[in-house]
C-alpha atoms as a PDB file:
ATOM      1  CA  ILE A   1      55.621 120.095 136.079  1.00  0.00           C
ATOM      2  CA  GLY A   2      56.508 117.055 134.089  1.00  0.00           C
ATOM      3  CA  ALA A   3      56.911 119.465 130.896  1.00  0.00           C
ATOM      4  CA  TYR A   4      59.518 121.517 132.642  1.00  0.00           C
ATOM      5  CA  TYR A   5      61.489 118.703 133.842  1.00  0.00           C
ATOM      6  CA  LEU A   6      61.646 117.518 130.165  1.00  0.00           C
ATOM      7  CA  ALA A   7      62.546 121.067 129.293  1.00  0.00           C
ATOM      8  CA  TYR A   8      65.307 121.302 131.959  1.00  0.00           C
ATOM      9  CA  LEU A   9      66.818 117.679 130.912  1.00  0.00           C
ATOM     10  CA  VAL A  10      66.851 118.826 127.633  1.00  0.00           C
ATOM     11  CA  LEU A  11      68.734 122.001 128.471  1.00  0.00           C
ATOM     12  CA  CYS A  12      70.965 120.022 130.574  1.00  0.00           C
ATOM     13  CA  ILE A  13      71.877 117.865 127.532  1.00  0.00           C
ATOM     14  CA  SER A  14      72.584 120.699 124.946  1.00  0.00           C
ATOM     15  CA  ASN A  15      74.636 122.393 127.867  1.00  0.00           C
ATOM     16  CA  ARG A  16      76.617 119.003 128.160  1.00  0.00           C
ATOM     17  CA  CYS A  17      77.021 118.514 124.309  1.00  0.00           C
ATOM     18  CA  ASN A  18      77.825 122.205 123.966  1.00  0.00           C
ATOM     19  CA  ARG A  19      81.113 121.876 126.935  1.00  0.00           C
ATOM     20  CA  ILE A  20      82.115 118.622 124.408  1.00  0.00           C
ATOM     21  CA  PHE A  21      82.098 120.573 121.916  1.00  0.00           C
ATOM     22  CA  HIS A  22      84.930 122.841 122.640  1.00  0.00           C
ATOM     23  CA  ASP A  23      87.356 120.548 123.313  1.00  0.00           C
ATOM     24  CA  GLN A  24      88.389 119.371 119.670  1.00  0.00           C
ATOM     25  CA  SER A  25      90.442 116.473 121.056  1.00  0.00           C
ATOM     26  CA  LEU A  26      87.340 115.460 123.388  1.00  0.00           C
ATOM     27  CA  LEU A  27      85.312 115.023 119.839  1.00  0.00           C
ATOM     28  CA  TYR A  28      87.178 112.371 118.249  1.00  0.00           C
ATOM     29  CA  ILE A  29      87.193 110.259 121.313  1.00  0.00           C
ATOM     30  CA  ILE A  30      83.146 110.683 121.226  1.00  0.00           C
ATOM     31  CA  MET A  31      83.160 109.986 117.449  1.00  0.00           C
ATOM     32  CA  GLU A  32      85.226 106.511 117.905  1.00  0.00           C
ATOM     33  CA  LYS A  33      83.027 105.076 120.518  1.00  0.00           C
ATOM     34  CA  ARG A  34      79.978 106.218 118.260  1.00  0.00           C
ATOM     35  CA  PRO A  35      80.393 103.965 115.375  1.00  0.00           C
ATOM     36  CA  ASP A  36      77.486 105.470 112.953  1.00  0.00           C
ATOM     37  CA  ALA A  37      77.127 109.431 113.332  1.00  0.00           C
ATOM     38  CA  PHE A  38      74.323 109.556 110.579  1.00  0.00           C
ATOM     39  CA  ARG A  39      72.219 107.239 113.170  1.00  0.00           C
ATOM     40  CA  GLN A  40      73.537 108.866 116.185  1.00  0.00           C
ATOM     41  CA  LEU A  41      71.850 112.086 114.607  1.00  0.00           C
ATOM     42  CA  LYS A  42      68.931 110.243 113.493  1.00  0.00           C
ATOM     43  CA  GLY A  43      68.641 109.059 117.218  1.00  0.00           C
ATOM     44  CA  VAL A  44      68.886 112.623 118.747  1.00  0.00           C
ATOM     45  CA  HIS A  45      66.250 113.725 116.264  1.00  0.00           C
ATOM     46  CA  LEU A  46      63.692 111.072 117.063  1.00  0.00           C
ATOM     47  CA  ALA A  47      64.318 111.703 120.598  1.00  0.00           C
ATOM     48  CA  LEU A  48      63.518 115.110 120.613  1.00  0.00           C
ATOM     49  CA  LEU A  49      60.309 114.434 118.318  1.00  0.00           C
ATOM     50  CA  GLY A  50      59.167 111.768 121.307  1.00  0.00           C
ATOM     51  CA  ILE A  51      59.614 114.306 124.023  1.00  0.00           C
ATOM     52  CA  ILE A  52      57.604 116.550 122.202  1.00  0.00           C
ATOM     53  CA  THR A  53      55.172 114.104 121.464  1.00  0.00           C
ATOM     54  CA  ALA A  54      54.663 112.636 124.404  1.00  0.00           C
ATOM     55  CA  ILE A  55      54.537 115.925 126.229  1.00  0.00           C
ATOM     56  CA  THR A  56      51.563 116.695 123.924  1.00  0.00           C
ATOM     57  CA  ILE A  57      49.730 113.756 124.260  1.00  0.00           C
ATOM     58  CA  VAL A  58      50.054 114.051 128.508  1.00  0.00           C
ATOM     59  CA  ALA A  59      48.431 117.403 128.038  1.00  0.00           C
ATOM     60  CA  ILE A  60      45.461 116.267 126.004  1.00  0.00           C
ATOM     61  CA  ILE A  61      44.899 113.306 128.242  1.00  0.00           C
ATOM     62  CA  LEU A  62      45.194 115.555 131.056  1.00  0.00           C
ATOM     63  CA  LEU A  63      42.788 117.929 129.754  1.00  0.00           C
ATOM     64  CA  GLN A  64      40.064 115.040 128.976  1.00  0.00           C
ATOM     65  CA  MET A  65      40.368 114.282 132.554  1.00  0.00           C
ATOM     66  CA  GLY A  66      39.445 117.888 133.612  1.00  0.00           C
ATOM     67  CA  PHE A  67      42.894 119.128 135.191  1.00  0.00           C
ATOM     68  CA  ALA A  68      44.098 122.467 135.130  1.00  0.00           C
ATOM     69  CA  VAL A  69      41.609 124.227 132.589  1.00  0.00           C
ATOM     70  CA  ASN A  70      41.657 128.021 133.029  1.00  0.00           C
ATOM     71  CA  LYS A  71      39.165 130.408 131.420  1.00  0.00           C
ATOM     72  CA  ASN A  72      40.738 133.648 131.837  1.00  0.00           C
ATOM     73  CA  GLU A  73      40.332 135.280 128.179  1.00  0.00           C
ATOM     74  CA  THR A  74      42.864 137.786 129.041  1.00  0.00           C
ATOM     75  CA  LEU A  75      45.945 135.092 129.889  1.00  0.00           C
ATOM     76  CA  ASP A  76      44.234 133.241 126.746  1.00  0.00           C
ATOM     77  CA  ARG A  77      45.200 136.031 124.363  1.00  0.00           C
ATOM     78  CA  THR A  78      48.459 137.012 125.723  1.00  0.00           C
ATOM     79  CA  LEU A  79      49.404 133.360 125.619  1.00  0.00           C
ATOM     80  CA  GLN A  80      48.586 132.726 122.050  1.00  0.00           C
ATOM     81  CA  THR A  81      50.381 136.171 120.679  1.00  0.00           C
ATOM     82  CA  GLY A  82      53.191 135.545 123.013  1.00  0.00           C
ATOM     83  CA  LEU A  83      53.752 131.624 121.881  1.00  0.00           C
ATOM     84  CA  VAL A  84      52.737 132.470 118.072  1.00  0.00           C
ATOM     85  CA  LEU A  85      55.503 134.765 118.079  1.00  0.00           C
ATOM     86  CA  LEU A  86      58.031 132.851 120.302  1.00  0.00           C
ATOM     87  CA  ALA A  87      57.483 130.138 117.125  1.00  0.00           C
ATOM     88  CA  LEU A  88      58.033 132.177 114.964  1.00  0.00           C
ATOM     89  CA  ILE A  89      60.927 133.924 115.956  1.00  0.00           C
ATOM     90  CA  SER A  90      62.516 131.024 116.983  1.00  0.00           C
ATOM     91  CA  ILE A  91      61.981 129.014 114.181  1.00  0.00           C
ATOM     92  CA  VAL A  92      63.372 131.851 111.869  1.00  0.00           C
ATOM     93  CA  THR A  93      66.540 132.526 114.180  1.00  0.00           C
ATOM     94  CA  GLY A  94      67.026 128.718 114.434  1.00  0.00           C
ATOM     95  CA  PHE A  95      67.226 128.357 110.722  1.00  0.00           C
ATOM     96  CA  ASN A  96      69.163 131.314 110.292  1.00  0.00           C
ATOM     97  CA  LEU A  97      72.191 129.989 113.194  1.00  0.00           C
ATOM     98  CA  PHE A  98      71.676 126.343 111.658  1.00  0.00           C
ATOM     99  CA  ARG A  99      72.364 127.714 107.919  1.00  0.00           C
ATOM    100  CA  LYS A 100      75.420 130.107 109.307  1.00  0.00           C
ATOM    101  CA  LYS A 101      76.780 127.020 111.287  1.00  0.00           C
ATOM    102  CA  ILE A 102      76.478 124.920 107.993  1.00  0.00           C
ATOM    103  CA  LEU A 103      78.363 127.128 105.939  1.00  0.00           C
ATOM    104  CA  GLN A 104      80.914 127.247 108.575  1.00  0.00           C
ATOM    105  CA  ALA A 105      81.527 123.615 108.767  1.00  0.00           C
ATOM    106  CA  ARG A 106      81.489 123.222 105.153  1.00  0.00           C
ATOM    107  CA  ALA A 107      84.047 125.744 104.990  1.00  0.00           C
ATOM    108  CA  LEU A 108      86.140 124.333 107.376  1.00  0.00           C
ATOM    109  CA  ASN A 109      89.534 122.520 105.770  1.00  0.00           C
ATOM    110  CA  ALA A 110      89.013 119.818 108.574  1.00  0.00           C
ATOM    111  CA  PRO A 111      88.215 116.176 108.867  1.00  0.00           C
ATOM    112  CA  GLY A 112      84.638 114.664 108.204  1.00  0.00           C
ATOM    113  CA  GLU A 113      84.016 114.036 111.481  1.00  0.00           C
ATOM    114  CA  LEU A 114      84.910 117.399 112.880  1.00  0.00           C
ATOM    115  CA  ARG A 115      82.738 118.948 110.219  1.00  0.00           C
ATOM    116  CA  MET A 116      80.131 116.188 111.380  1.00  0.00           C
ATOM    117  CA  LEU A 117      80.277 117.318 114.854  1.00  0.00           C
ATOM    118  CA  GLN A 118      79.704 121.189 113.895  1.00  0.00           C
ATOM    119  CA  TYR A 119      76.647 119.693 111.854  1.00  0.00           C
ATOM    120  CA  ARG A 120      75.219 117.922 115.037  1.00  0.00           C
ATOM    121  CA  LYS A 121      75.345 121.133 117.225  1.00  0.00           C
ATOM    122  CA  ALA A 122      73.857 123.118 114.314  1.00  0.00           C
ATOM    123  CA  CYS A 123      70.763 120.941 114.118  1.00  0.00           C
ATOM    124  CA  THR A 124      70.736 120.386 117.844  1.00  0.00           C
ATOM    125  CA  VAL A 125      70.322 123.907 118.366  1.00  0.00           C
ATOM    126  CA  TRP A 126      67.558 124.333 115.744  1.00  0.00           C
ATOM    127  CA  TRP A 127      65.799 121.438 116.818  1.00  0.00           C
ATOM    128  CA  LEU A 128      65.583 122.367 120.350  1.00  0.00           C
ATOM    129  CA  MET A 129      64.115 126.016 119.134  1.00  0.00           C
ATOM    130  CA  ILE A 130      61.569 123.906 117.182  1.00  0.00           C
ATOM    131  CA  VAL A 131      60.897 121.923 120.707  1.00  0.00           C
ATOM    132  CA  LEU A 132      60.583 124.425 123.214  1.00  0.00           C
ATOM    133  CA  PRO A 133      57.974 126.802 121.838  1.00  0.00           C
ATOM    134  CA  GLY A 134      56.179 123.407 121.357  1.00  0.00           C
ATOM    135  CA  ILE A 135      56.485 122.349 125.123  1.00  0.00           C
ATOM    136  CA  PHE A 136      55.216 125.585 125.961  1.00  0.00           C
ATOM    137  CA  ALA A 137      52.537 125.653 123.510  1.00  0.00           C
ATOM    138  CA  ALA A 138      51.477 122.383 125.258  1.00  0.00           C
ATOM    139  CA  ASN A 139      51.523 123.620 128.339  1.00  0.00           C
ATOM    140  CA  GLY A 140      49.461 126.740 126.784  1.00  0.00           C
ATOM    141  CA  PHE A 141      46.974 123.663 125.521  1.00  0.00           C
ATOM    142  CA  LEU A 142      46.781 122.543 129.182  1.00  0.00           C
ATOM    143  CA  ILE A 143      46.648 125.768 130.779  1.00  0.00           C
ATOM    144  CA  THR A 144      43.713 127.313 128.952  1.00  0.00           C
ATOM    145  CA  GLY A 145      41.902 124.617 126.897  1.00  0.00           C
ATOM    146  CA  ASN A 146      42.328 126.260 124.017  1.00  0.00           C
ATOM    147  CA  TYR A 147      42.679 124.169 120.642  1.00  0.00           C
ATOM    148  CA  ALA A 148      45.049 127.231 118.972  1.00  0.00           C
ATOM    149  CA  PHE A 149      47.929 125.801 121.263  1.00  0.00           C
ATOM    150  CA  LEU A 150      47.425 122.193 120.450  1.00  0.00           C
ATOM    151  CA  ALA A 151      47.393 123.053 116.438  1.00  0.00           C
ATOM    152  CA  LEU A 152      50.318 125.065 117.019  1.00  0.00           C
ATOM    153  CA  THR A 153      51.900 122.015 119.121  1.00  0.00           C
ATOM    154  CA  VAL A 154      51.322 120.146 115.972  1.00  0.00           C
ATOM    155  CA  PHE A 155      52.564 122.555 113.782  1.00  0.00           C
ATOM    156  CA  LEU A 156      55.933 122.539 115.393  1.00  0.00           C
ATOM    157  CA  ILE A 157      56.120 118.370 115.326  1.00  0.00           C
ATOM    158  CA  SER A 158      55.020 118.601 112.288  1.00  0.00           C
ATOM    159  CA  VAL A 159      58.169 121.283 111.488  1.00  0.00           C
ATOM    160  CA  LEU A 160      60.489 119.000 113.293  1.00  0.00           C
ATOM    161  CA  ALA A 161      59.506 115.672 111.705  1.00  0.00           C
ATOM    162  CA  ILE A 162      59.914 117.378 108.245  1.00  0.00           C
ATOM    163  CA  PHE A 163      63.482 118.561 109.063  1.00  0.00           C
ATOM    164  CA  MET A 164      64.792 114.868 109.784  1.00  0.00           C
ATOM    165  CA  PRO A 165      68.380 114.280 108.897  1.00  0.00           C
ATOM    166  CA  ARG A 166      69.288 112.261 105.985  1.00  0.00           C
ATOM    167  CA  LYS A 167      72.536 110.881 105.142  1.00  0.00           C
ATOM    168  CA  GLN A 168      72.448 112.296 101.524  1.00  0.00           C
ATOM    169  CA  ASN A 169      71.547 115.935 102.356  1.00  0.00           C
ATOM    170  CA  ILE A 170      74.485 115.946 104.945  1.00  0.00           C
ATOM    171  CA  ILE A 171      77.001 114.137 102.878  1.00  0.00           C
ATOM    172  CA  LEU A 172      75.992 116.851 100.005  1.00  0.00           C
ATOM    173  CA  LEU A 173      76.063 119.679 102.743  1.00  0.00           C
ATOM    174  CA  LEU A 174      79.056 119.233 104.897  1.00  0.00           C
ATOM    175  CA  ASN A 175      81.168 118.107 100.964  1.00  0.00           C
ATOM    176  CA  LEU A 176      82.003 114.501 102.741  1.00  0.00           C
ATOM    177  CA  THR A 177      84.414 112.331 100.694  1.00  0.00           C
ATOM    178  CA  ASP A 178      83.551 108.610 100.329  1.00  0.00           C
ATOM    179  CA  ALA A 179      86.374 107.863 102.812  1.00  0.00           C
ATOM    180  CA  GLU A 180      84.881 110.509 105.253  1.00  0.00           C
ATOM    181  CA  VAL A 181      81.322 108.795 105.121  1.00  0.00           C
ATOM    182  CA  ALA A 182      82.912 105.195 105.490  1.00  0.00           C
ATOM    183  CA  ARG A 183      84.504 106.303 108.766  1.00  0.00           C
ATOM    184  CA  LEU A 184      81.581 108.531 110.004  1.00  0.00           C
ATOM    185  CA  GLU A 185      79.525 105.198 109.339  1.00  0.00           C
ATOM    186  CA  GLY A 186      82.399 103.319 111.360  1.00  0.00           C
ATOM    187  CA  LYS A 187      83.373 101.261 108.325  1.00  0.00           C
END
């Protein structure tokens, strides 16, 4: 139940962000209130990484305590196949969406703040497409007790950790000038 609540919370935050991103005047206000956009993006990434790691740890602890193990072989195979396909499709689709949005943001003839917000939106969508299959895999591990689900979750955590936002990469991807970088840092 806790995993479903966290997934719902993440989706609500994502929907709130999507509503905010559609109002560009509000975007500039948000950027003024949060001085360092690079740290803010790292914070979102770290929060999502923490959520999926915490859910995985809770699933391991609950399984060690003997909760909720179902030894149904058919369910186990069905979940394995479905979750592996979901994870694969989600990662590939998420990356393609991310790449498309980054190219659009780079081509924008707009201030760096707006391009950075487009980058943040693209990252958030991609990260959520990595985290959600991980949450489902952790639940599959809890339901079946099969360590293949744990391995899938650890793999997805690793993928998410690898794609941590780096300031130099963001500057390069978005073609940010030194003045834009200074504004984004809140200087």
